[in-house]
Amino acid sequence: MPIFELELNGPNLIKDSERSGTARSLFWPWCGANVSLLALSYGAFFLGFGISFVQATYAAIIGTVLSFLVVGVSSLAGKKSNAPTMILSRAAFGIKGNIVPGALSYLVFVGWETVLVSLATLATGTVFTRLGHINHNLSLIIGFVIAVSLTVFGGVLGFSAIMKIQKWLTLITVVMTVIYIALTLDNVNWSAVSSIKNGTSQGFVGALIFGITGIGLGWVNSAADYSRYLPRTVSSKSVVGWTVLGASLVPIILVIYGSALAGSSKELSDAIAMDPIGALTALLPTWFLIPFALVAILGLVGGAILDLYSSGLTLVSIGLPVKRHIAAMIDACIMLAGTIYIVWFAGNFFFPFQGFLITLGVPVAVWSAIFVADVIMRKSAYSETDLYDANARYGAWNLKSLALMVVGTVVGWGFVTNTFAGWLSWQGYFLGLIGGKQGPWAYANVGVIASLLIGFFGHIALSRKAIKVQESF
């Protein structure tokens, strides 16, 4: 299929004649989506939990690998049954009941699209302002147009274009990122970095959870969208392995290096909260600013493309009666409005970003755990035709799974603290049980872990027998 040809597949099943390739092909989309320089700024965010460089390193490795391991396992559903993630989720929630996690996933996708395009816009504005002779607003508009155009181009065209674009985005971004590290290595003050004292266990857990929600967990609801094009005979271990390797390798390196940079300069660490990518330009010579803008935009766009593609699939899967590419264009309009708000009206990037991650991270954690448990428990492939029939084996509504999602969300929100927006201050209503909103666990956001455990073990307990019955047909 030529790179410029529009993908006509949507939430439908992929024909066996269209399924080809190897598990190795999954490396490119997942690496391209996570090679962003935003991971460098995550290093500052990790240290913001009051932990040391060594603790941040462990949190980055463990949080990234664990979160993408969940993505890898979820990808198996697409290989076994050739449908998108949010269609396969119907088996756990019912054909109609799946509109609940579907709507949630849609919000996550649109949110991440907006965040990534906003970052690309802000970074470009900062770069051109440093170069001089260009009005700051005009600089922002240039970055906005470039980021949006690339994202919409890939997300609307679909799978074939994405697989080719992501490979080139990955290669270009990796090379330019290596150059960035080489140019800024002298800015790392290892004496200052090593002198940062170890933080509390609660701080480490908070950083770990931030890594899980901010790096990998948000990709679970698109995991099968790419593996569904693989032949059923592809090794399951290879699918998981290439997904985890592609998605984890670069972010881990960048978060660790970002922690070293942030630990060397409080000024840089503070600036990252306002403009996570643009703040990194302060360390660069002027001649590398344009290449930096390129690598920043391409790295962020790589993730935004995958989000826009999957958001279109999700919107159609929950009932919007339009083609996938039309749904993707609708999402793009919403993304435009959100980006304009963040770039031109919000006073701080990190606060709305953290609020977004924490608030949606809890229900996403519940759904992700339920979906992974469902994939693990099923010994055979999903009945593909029944995924589109409310009167078939999966039923219209699975009230047990929906109730489990409500319970997990309520408990999870009760054990997180969200001070990043006044309207979210109601969260943390259960923290009194472990020291209160000002106690040692207040900012660890353990509610995310609670949600994962409730979703995973709850689904095993409540649905094990039902799944056996479904597979007996």
Protein backbone atom coordinates (compact mmCIF):
# COMPACT_ATOMS: atom_id res chain seq x y z
CA MET A 1 0.00 0.00 0.00
CA PRO A 2 1.49 3.42 -1.00
CA ILE A 3 2.30 5.74 1.88
CA PHE A 4 -0.26 8.32 0.79
CA GLU A 5 -3.15 5.89 0.37
CA LEU A 6 -5.97 6.28 2.87
CA GLU A 7 -6.64 3.29 5.14
CA LEU A 8 -10.26 2.23 4.73
CA ASN A 9 -10.28 -0.22 7.67
CA GLY A 10 -11.90 1.04 10.84
CA PRO A 11 -13.24 -0.96 13.79
CA ASN A 12 -13.91 -3.89 11.46
CA LEU A 13 -12.03 -7.18 11.50
CA ILE A 14 -8.82 -7.29 9.46
CA LYS A 15 -8.90 -9.95 6.75
CA ASP A 16 -6.23 -12.64 7.01
CA SER A 17 -5.01 -11.65 3.55
CA GLU A 18 -4.14 -8.19 4.94
CA ARG A 19 -2.22 -9.56 7.93
CA SER A 20 1.53 -9.73 7.41
CA GLY A 21 4.89 -8.85 8.93
CA THR A 22 6.71 -9.92 12.07
CA ALA A 23 6.64 -8.91 15.71
CA ARG A 24 9.81 -6.90 15.04
CA SER A 25 7.71 -4.40 13.06
CA LEU A 26 6.09 -3.29 16.34
CA PHE A 27 9.38 -1.76 17.43
CA TRP A 28 8.99 1.25 15.12
CA PRO A 29 5.54 2.59 16.05
CA TRP A 30 6.17 2.17 19.75
CA CYS A 31 9.67 3.61 19.68
CA GLY A 32 8.56 6.50 17.47
CA ALA A 33 5.72 7.30 19.86
CA ASN A 34 8.00 7.39 22.90
CA VAL A 35 11.25 8.89 21.64
CA SER A 36 10.08 12.39 22.57
CA LEU A 37 12.35 14.86 24.38
CA LEU A 38 9.48 15.19 26.86
CA ALA A 39 11.12 12.24 28.63
CA LEU A 40 14.07 14.51 29.45
CA SER A 41 11.70 16.82 31.29
CA TYR A 42 10.24 13.83 33.13
CA GLY A 43 13.61 13.61 34.86
CA ALA A 44 12.87 16.94 36.55
CA PHE A 45 9.34 15.79 37.39
CA PHE A 46 10.73 12.64 39.03
CA LEU A 47 13.15 14.64 41.18
CA GLY A 48 10.21 16.86 42.11
CA PHE A 49 9.02 14.05 44.36
CA GLY A 50 11.98 14.77 46.64
CA ILE A 51 14.02 11.73 45.68
CA SER A 52 17.66 11.24 44.70
CA PHE A 53 19.11 10.65 41.24
CA VAL A 54 19.59 6.94 42.00
CA GLN A 55 15.99 6.61 43.16
CA ALA A 56 14.78 8.45 40.06
CA THR A 57 16.79 6.03 37.92
CA TYR A 58 15.17 2.99 39.53
CA ALA A 59 11.73 4.58 39.31
CA ALA A 60 12.26 5.31 35.61
CA ILE A 61 13.37 1.76 34.80
CA ILE A 62 10.76 -0.06 36.88
CA GLY A 63 7.85 2.25 36.05
CA THR A 64 8.55 2.31 32.32
CA VAL A 65 9.10 -1.42 31.88
CA LEU A 66 6.13 -2.42 34.04
CA SER A 67 3.74 -0.03 32.29
CA PHE A 68 4.81 -1.16 28.82
CA LEU A 69 4.67 -4.80 29.89
CA VAL A 70 0.95 -4.17 30.37
CA VAL A 71 0.85 -2.69 26.86
CA GLY A 72 2.71 -5.71 25.48
CA VAL A 73 0.30 -8.20 27.05
CA SER A 74 -2.65 -6.17 25.77
CA SER A 75 -1.16 -6.34 22.26
CA LEU A 76 -1.68 -10.10 22.30
CA ALA A 77 -5.42 -9.56 22.01
CA GLY A 78 -4.94 -7.92 18.61
CA LYS A 79 -2.75 -10.75 17.34
CA LYS A 80 -5.22 -13.39 18.46
CA SER A 81 -8.34 -11.60 17.21
CA ASN A 82 -7.87 -9.03 14.48
CA ALA A 83 -9.87 -6.11 15.88
CA PRO A 84 -8.91 -2.80 17.55
CA THR A 85 -8.41 -2.63 21.31
CA MET A 86 -11.68 -0.91 22.10
CA ILE A 87 -13.63 -3.49 20.10
CA LEU A 88 -11.90 -6.35 21.94
CA SER A 89 -12.74 -4.63 25.23
CA ARG A 90 -16.39 -5.44 24.50
CA ALA A 91 -15.77 -9.02 25.62
CA ALA A 92 -15.11 -7.80 29.16
CA PHE A 93 -17.77 -5.07 29.37
CA GLY A 94 -20.49 -6.14 26.96
CA ILE A 95 -21.17 -4.77 23.50
CA LYS A 96 -23.10 -1.75 24.79
CA GLY A 97 -21.45 -1.55 28.20
CA ASN A 98 -18.10 -0.95 26.53
CA ILE A 99 -19.19 2.61 25.75
CA VAL A 100 -18.08 3.53 29.30
CA PRO A 101 -14.38 2.57 28.99
CA GLY A 102 -14.58 3.61 25.33
CA ALA A 103 -15.57 7.16 26.24
CA LEU A 104 -12.84 7.25 28.89
CA SER A 105 -10.24 6.05 26.39
CA TYR A 106 -11.38 8.69 23.95
CA LEU A 107 -10.77 11.40 26.54
CA VAL A 108 -7.30 10.02 27.24
CA PHE A 109 -6.38 9.97 23.55
CA VAL A 110 -7.65 13.48 22.89
CA GLY A 111 -5.94 14.70 26.06
CA TRP A 112 -2.57 13.28 25.04
CA GLU A 113 -2.93 14.58 21.48
CA THR A 114 -3.50 18.03 22.89
CA VAL A 115 -0.61 17.78 25.36
CA LEU A 116 1.90 16.62 22.74
CA VAL A 117 0.94 19.16 20.10
CA SER A 118 0.94 21.91 22.75
CA LEU A 119 4.47 20.97 23.78
CA ALA A 120 5.64 21.02 20.17
CA THR A 121 4.11 24.48 19.76
CA LEU A 122 5.65 25.86 22.95
CA ALA A 123 9.06 24.43 22.11
CA THR A 124 9.04 25.97 18.64
CA GLY A 125 8.01 29.33 20.07
CA THR A 126 10.90 29.25 22.52
CA VAL A 127 13.42 28.29 19.83
CA PHE A 128 12.44 31.04 17.39
CA THR A 129 12.29 33.61 20.16
CA ARG A 130 15.89 32.78 21.09
CA LEU A 131 16.92 33.14 17.48
CA GLY A 132 15.42 36.63 17.43
CA HIS A 133 13.76 38.73 14.71
CA ILE A 134 10.53 36.72 14.97
CA ASN A 135 7.53 37.72 17.06
CA HIS A 136 6.81 35.23 19.86
CA ASN A 137 3.19 34.69 18.85
CA LEU A 138 4.22 34.19 15.24
CA SER A 139 6.78 31.62 16.44
CA LEU A 140 4.06 29.77 18.31
CA ILE A 141 1.80 29.81 15.27
CA ILE A 142 4.59 28.33 13.10
CA GLY A 143 5.12 25.49 15.56
CA PHE A 144 1.37 24.99 15.89
CA VAL A 145 0.86 24.67 12.13
CA ILE A 146 3.79 22.26 11.66
CA ALA A 147 2.83 19.98 14.57
CA VAL A 148 -0.86 19.90 13.70
CA SER A 149 -0.24 19.27 10.00
CA LEU A 150 2.07 16.29 10.62
CA THR A 151 -0.23 14.82 13.27
CA VAL A 152 -3.37 15.06 11.16
CA PHE A 153 -1.55 13.76 8.07
CA GLY A 154 -0.45 10.54 9.76
CA GLY A 155 -3.45 10.02 12.03
CA VAL A 156 -6.02 10.43 9.29
CA LEU A 157 -4.24 8.37 6.61
CA GLY A 158 -3.97 5.40 8.95
CA PHE A 159 -1.97 2.24 9.60
CA SER A 160 0.27 1.91 6.54
CA ALA A 161 1.31 5.56 6.61
CA ILE A 162 1.90 5.41 10.36
CA MET A 163 4.17 2.35 10.17
CA LYS A 164 6.36 4.04 7.55
CA ILE A 165 6.31 7.52 9.09
CA GLN A 166 7.16 6.22 12.57
CA LYS A 167 10.25 4.41 11.32
CA TRP A 168 11.71 7.60 9.85
CA LEU A 169 10.60 9.72 12.80
CA THR A 170 12.38 7.29 15.12
CA LEU A 171 15.64 7.24 13.18
CA ILE A 172 15.81 11.03 12.75
CA THR A 173 14.82 11.76 16.34
CA VAL A 174 17.25 9.24 17.86
CA VAL A 175 20.19 10.68 15.91
CA MET A 176 19.32 14.26 16.82
CA THR A 177 18.74 13.33 20.46
CA VAL A 178 22.19 11.75 20.67
CA ILE A 179 23.64 15.03 19.34
CA TYR A 180 21.65 16.96 21.97
CA ILE A 181 23.09 14.78 24.74
CA ALA A 182 26.62 15.25 23.39
CA LEU A 183 26.19 19.04 23.31
CA THR A 184 24.76 19.28 26.83
CA LEU A 185 26.84 16.67 28.65
CA ASP A 186 29.13 19.36 30.07
CA ASN A 187 26.12 20.85 31.87
CA VAL A 188 25.81 17.80 34.12
CA ASN A 189 27.37 18.48 37.49
CA TRP A 190 27.84 14.97 38.80
CA SER A 191 28.95 16.28 42.17
CA ALA A 192 25.68 18.16 42.62
CA VAL A 193 23.66 15.23 41.27
CA SER A 194 25.28 12.68 43.57
CA SER A 195 24.84 14.96 46.57
CA ILE A 196 21.04 14.85 46.31
CA LYS A 197 19.92 12.89 49.32
CA ASN A 198 17.63 9.90 49.13
CA GLY A 199 13.99 10.74 49.58
CA THR A 200 11.31 8.85 51.44
CA SER A 201 9.75 5.60 50.35
CA GLN A 202 6.56 7.54 49.74
CA GLY A 203 8.38 9.90 47.37
CA PHE A 204 9.87 6.99 45.46
CA VAL A 205 6.45 5.35 45.12
CA GLY A 206 5.01 8.66 43.93
CA ALA A 207 7.68 8.97 41.21
CA LEU A 208 7.17 5.33 40.23
CA ILE A 209 3.41 5.84 39.86
CA PHE A 210 3.97 9.05 37.92
CA GLY A 211 6.18 7.08 35.54
CA ILE A 212 3.57 4.36 35.14
CA THR A 213 0.72 6.77 34.39
CA GLY A 214 2.75 9.32 32.45
CA ILE A 215 4.83 7.02 30.26
CA GLY A 216 3.16 3.70 29.50
CA LEU A 217 -0.30 3.19 30.97
CA GLY A 218 -2.03 5.58 28.60
CA TRP A 219 -1.03 3.37 25.64
CA VAL A 220 -2.87 0.24 26.79
CA ASN A 221 -6.10 1.30 25.11
CA SER A 222 -4.38 1.36 21.70
CA ALA A 223 -2.15 -1.71 22.10
CA ALA A 224 -4.06 -4.03 19.77
CA ASP A 225 -4.60 -1.38 17.09
CA TYR A 226 -1.22 -2.24 15.55
CA SER A 227 -0.75 -5.90 16.47
CA ARG A 228 -4.08 -6.75 14.77
CA TYR A 229 -2.29 -6.58 11.42
CA LEU A 230 0.14 -9.36 12.42
CA PRO A 231 -0.44 -13.01 11.43
CA ARG A 232 -1.88 -15.19 14.19
CA THR A 233 1.17 -17.45 13.97
CA VAL A 234 3.55 -14.77 15.25
CA SER A 235 5.14 -15.65 18.60
CA SER A 236 3.30 -14.10 21.56
CA LYS A 237 6.57 -13.68 23.46
CA SER A 238 7.98 -11.77 20.50
CA VAL A 239 4.96 -9.47 20.38
CA VAL A 240 5.37 -8.60 24.05
CA GLY A 241 9.16 -8.37 23.83
CA TRP A 242 9.35 -6.06 20.81
CA THR A 243 6.60 -3.84 22.19
CA VAL A 244 8.33 -3.42 25.55
CA LEU A 245 11.78 -2.94 23.98
CA GLY A 246 10.61 -0.40 21.41
CA ALA A 247 8.55 1.61 23.85
CA SER A 248 10.90 1.50 26.87
CA LEU A 249 14.46 1.79 25.57
CA VAL A 250 14.65 5.49 24.69
CA PRO A 251 12.38 6.87 27.47
CA ILE A 252 14.45 5.16 30.17
CA ILE A 253 17.68 6.67 28.85
CA LEU A 254 16.15 10.12 28.45
CA VAL A 255 14.48 10.21 31.88
CA ILE A 256 17.76 9.23 33.56
CA TYR A 257 19.72 11.86 31.63
CA GLY A 258 16.98 14.43 32.26
CA SER A 259 17.26 13.74 35.98
CA ALA A 260 21.00 14.41 35.78
CA LEU A 261 20.43 17.73 34.00
CA ALA A 262 17.68 18.84 36.37
CA GLY A 263 19.69 17.76 39.40
CA SER A 264 22.56 19.95 38.18
CA SER A 265 20.51 23.15 37.87
CA LYS A 266 17.55 24.28 39.96
CA GLU A 267 16.94 27.08 37.45
CA LEU A 268 16.48 24.53 34.65
CA SER A 269 14.29 22.34 36.81
CA ASP A 270 11.98 25.27 37.62
CA ALA A 271 11.82 26.37 33.96
CA ILE A 272 10.71 22.91 32.85
CA ALA A 273 7.44 23.31 34.77
CA MET A 274 6.49 26.22 32.51
CA ASP A 275 7.79 24.91 29.15
CA PRO A 276 9.02 21.30 29.44
CA ILE A 277 10.68 21.13 26.02
CA GLY A 278 11.54 24.76 25.35
CA ALA A 279 13.39 25.07 28.67
CA LEU A 280 15.94 22.55 27.39
CA THR A 281 17.09 25.01 24.72
CA ALA A 282 18.84 27.13 27.35
CA LEU A 283 21.69 24.61 27.30
CA LEU A 284 22.22 24.70 23.54
CA PRO A 285 24.42 26.72 21.21
CA THR A 286 22.46 28.93 18.81
CA TRP A 287 23.43 26.93 15.72
CA PHE A 288 21.64 23.83 17.03
CA LEU A 289 18.35 25.56 17.83
CA ILE A 290 16.68 24.87 14.49
CA PRO A 291 17.68 21.16 14.53
CA PHE A 292 16.45 21.06 18.14
CA ALA A 293 13.07 22.45 17.10
CA LEU A 294 12.91 19.75 14.43
CA VAL A 295 13.70 16.90 16.82
CA ALA A 296 11.29 18.29 19.43
CA ILE A 297 8.42 18.52 16.96
CA LEU A 298 9.08 15.13 15.34
CA GLY A 299 9.44 13.34 18.66
CA LEU A 300 6.19 14.74 20.02
CA VAL A 301 4.33 14.26 16.75
CA GLY A 302 5.26 10.57 16.76
CA GLY A 303 3.11 10.04 19.84
CA ALA A 304 0.36 12.41 18.72
CA ILE A 305 -0.08 10.49 15.43
CA LEU A 306 -0.73 7.22 17.26
CA ASP A 307 -3.15 8.95 19.62
CA LEU A 308 -5.10 10.58 16.79
CA TYR A 309 -5.33 7.31 14.87
CA SER A 310 -6.56 5.35 17.90
CA SER A 311 -8.92 8.11 19.03
CA GLY A 312 -10.65 7.92 15.65
CA LEU A 313 -10.99 4.14 15.98
CA THR A 314 -12.32 4.53 19.52
CA LEU A 315 -14.89 7.15 18.57
CA VAL A 316 -16.30 4.89 15.86
CA SER A 317 -16.20 1.83 18.15
CA ILE A 318 -18.48 3.53 20.70
CA GLY A 319 -21.10 4.25 18.09
CA LEU A 320 -20.37 7.37 16.04
CA PRO A 321 -21.74 6.47 12.56
CA VAL A 322 -18.87 7.80 10.45
CA LYS A 323 -15.77 6.41 8.78
CA ARG A 324 -12.54 6.20 10.80
CA HIS A 325 -10.81 9.00 8.93
CA ILE A 326 -13.80 11.32 9.46
CA ALA A 327 -13.73 10.53 13.19
CA ALA A 328 -10.00 11.30 13.24
CA MET A 329 -10.68 14.68 11.64
CA ILE A 330 -13.30 15.42 14.30
CA ASP A 331 -10.74 14.57 16.97
CA ALA A 332 -8.25 16.86 15.27
CA CYS A 333 -10.66 19.79 15.65
CA ILE A 334 -10.98 19.10 19.38
CA MET A 335 -7.20 18.81 19.62
CA LEU A 336 -6.85 22.22 17.96
CA ALA A 337 -9.13 23.87 20.51
CA GLY A 338 -7.34 22.25 23.45
CA THR A 339 -3.92 23.21 22.14
CA ILE A 340 -4.96 26.82 21.70
CA TYR A 341 -6.11 26.92 25.33
CA ILE A 342 -2.91 25.41 26.76
CA VAL A 343 -0.55 27.48 24.62
CA TRP A 344 -2.25 30.87 24.69
CA PHE A 345 -4.40 30.90 27.84
CA ALA A 346 -3.09 28.46 30.51
CA GLY A 347 -0.47 30.06 32.76
CA ASN A 348 1.44 26.87 33.56
CA PHE A 349 1.86 23.61 31.69
CA PHE A 350 2.83 21.22 34.46
CA PHE A 351 -0.21 21.86 36.68
CA PRO A 352 -2.93 21.01 34.14
CA PHE A 353 -0.77 18.15 32.87
CA GLN A 354 -0.41 16.60 36.32
CA GLY A 355 -4.10 17.10 37.05
CA PHE A 356 -4.98 15.41 33.78
CA LEU A 357 -2.69 12.42 34.43
CA ILE A 358 -3.88 11.82 37.97
CA THR A 359 -7.60 12.25 37.36
CA LEU A 360 -7.84 10.06 34.25
CA GLY A 361 -4.98 7.79 35.34
CA VAL A 362 -7.16 6.19 38.02
CA PRO A 363 -10.05 4.93 35.85
CA VAL A 364 -7.59 4.08 33.05
CA ALA A 365 -5.69 1.93 35.55
CA VAL A 366 -8.86 0.04 36.45
CA TRP A 367 -9.82 -0.55 32.83
CA SER A 368 -6.26 -1.55 31.86
CA ALA A 369 -6.10 -4.10 34.66
CA ILE A 370 -9.48 -5.56 33.72
CA PHE A 371 -8.49 -5.80 30.05
CA VAL A 372 -5.13 -7.44 30.80
CA ALA A 373 -6.78 -9.93 33.17
CA ASP A 374 -9.33 -10.72 30.46
CA VAL A 375 -6.59 -11.33 27.87
CA ILE A 376 -4.65 -13.58 30.26
CA MET A 377 -7.66 -15.66 31.30
CA ARG A 378 -8.87 -16.44 27.78
CA LYS A 379 -7.26 -19.61 26.45
CA SER A 380 -8.64 -19.15 22.94
CA ALA A 381 -9.14 -16.19 20.64
CA TYR A 382 -12.13 -13.92 21.02
CA SER A 383 -15.15 -14.88 18.94
CA GLU A 384 -14.76 -12.11 16.38
CA THR A 385 -18.28 -12.04 14.98
CA ASP A 386 -19.78 -12.02 18.51
CA LEU A 387 -17.86 -8.80 19.30
CA TYR A 388 -20.34 -7.01 17.03
CA ASP A 389 -23.55 -8.68 18.23
CA ALA A 390 -25.18 -7.60 21.50
CA ASN A 391 -27.31 -10.77 21.51
CA ALA A 392 -24.32 -13.13 21.24
CA ARG A 393 -22.04 -14.69 23.87
CA TYR A 394 -20.57 -11.44 25.28
CA GLY A 395 -23.97 -9.87 25.88
CA ALA A 396 -24.98 -6.22 25.83
CA TRP A 397 -23.92 -5.22 29.35
CA ASN A 398 -21.46 -6.81 31.77
CA LEU A 399 -22.62 -5.16 34.98
CA LYS A 400 -19.94 -6.88 37.07
CA SER A 401 -17.11 -5.29 35.10
CA LEU A 402 -18.81 -1.90 35.05
CA ALA A 403 -19.37 -2.07 38.82
CA LEU A 404 -15.74 -3.09 39.29
CA MET A 405 -14.65 -0.08 37.29
CA VAL A 406 -16.77 2.21 39.45
CA VAL A 407 -15.44 0.71 42.69
CA GLY A 408 -11.82 0.87 41.49
CA THR A 409 -12.24 4.50 40.42
CA VAL A 410 -13.90 5.57 43.67
CA VAL A 411 -11.22 3.88 45.76
CA GLY A 412 -8.44 5.16 43.53
CA TRP A 413 -9.57 8.80 43.59
CA GLY A 414 -9.86 8.52 47.34
CA PHE A 415 -6.13 7.81 47.66
CA VAL A 416 -4.69 10.47 45.34
CA THR A 417 -4.04 14.14 46.02
CA ASN A 418 -4.72 16.58 43.22
CA THR A 419 -3.83 20.17 44.07
CA PHE A 420 -3.20 21.18 40.47
CA ALA A 421 -6.69 22.58 39.89
CA GLY A 422 -9.20 23.90 42.41
CA TRP A 423 -12.05 21.86 40.98
CA LEU A 424 -10.11 18.64 41.63
CA SER A 425 -9.43 19.28 45.32
CA TRP A 426 -12.21 16.88 46.31
CA GLN A 427 -9.93 13.92 45.53
CA GLY A 428 -8.07 12.23 48.38
CA TYR A 429 -11.13 11.66 50.57
CA PHE A 430 -9.71 8.34 51.88
CA LEU A 431 -6.24 9.65 52.68
CA GLY A 432 -7.24 10.15 56.31
CA LEU A 433 -6.76 6.40 56.67
CA ILE A 434 -3.02 6.71 55.92
CA GLY A 435 -2.08 10.07 57.40
CA GLY A 436 -4.29 12.63 55.67
CA LYS A 437 -3.79 15.05 52.78
CA GLN A 438 -0.67 16.47 54.43
CA GLY A 439 0.70 13.10 55.58
CA PRO A 440 3.68 11.14 54.25
CA TRP A 441 1.60 9.31 51.61
CA ALA A 442 -0.35 12.36 50.47
CA TYR A 443 1.52 12.86 47.17
CA ALA A 444 2.45 9.26 46.41
CA ASN A 445 -0.83 8.75 44.49
CA VAL A 446 -1.14 5.17 45.70
CA GLY A 447 -4.73 5.23 44.45
CA VAL A 448 -3.40 4.28 41.01
CA ILE A 449 -1.88 1.07 42.39
CA ALA A 450 -5.08 0.34 44.30
CA SER A 451 -7.07 0.75 41.09
CA LEU A 452 -4.78 -1.64 39.20
CA LEU A 453 -5.07 -4.31 41.89
CA ILE A 454 -8.85 -3.96 42.18
CA GLY A 455 -9.32 -4.19 38.41
CA PHE A 456 -6.98 -7.13 37.86
CA PHE A 457 -7.88 -9.41 40.77
CA GLY A 458 -11.51 -8.29 40.81
CA HIS A 459 -12.00 -9.31 37.18
CA ILE A 460 -10.35 -12.67 37.79
CA ALA A 461 -12.63 -13.32 40.75
CA LEU A 462 -15.85 -12.09 39.14
CA SER A 463 -15.47 -13.21 35.52
CA ARG A 464 -13.44 -16.43 35.57
CA LYS A 465 -16.50 -18.69 35.41
CA ALA A 466 -18.26 -16.54 32.81
CA ILE A 467 -15.22 -16.67 30.53
CA LYS A 468 -15.12 -20.47 30.77
CA VAL A 469 -18.77 -20.57 29.75
CA GLN A 470 -18.14 -18.22 26.82
CA GLU A 471 -15.25 -20.36 25.59
CA SER A 472 -17.33 -23.54 25.80
CA PHE A 473 -19.52 -22.48 22.86
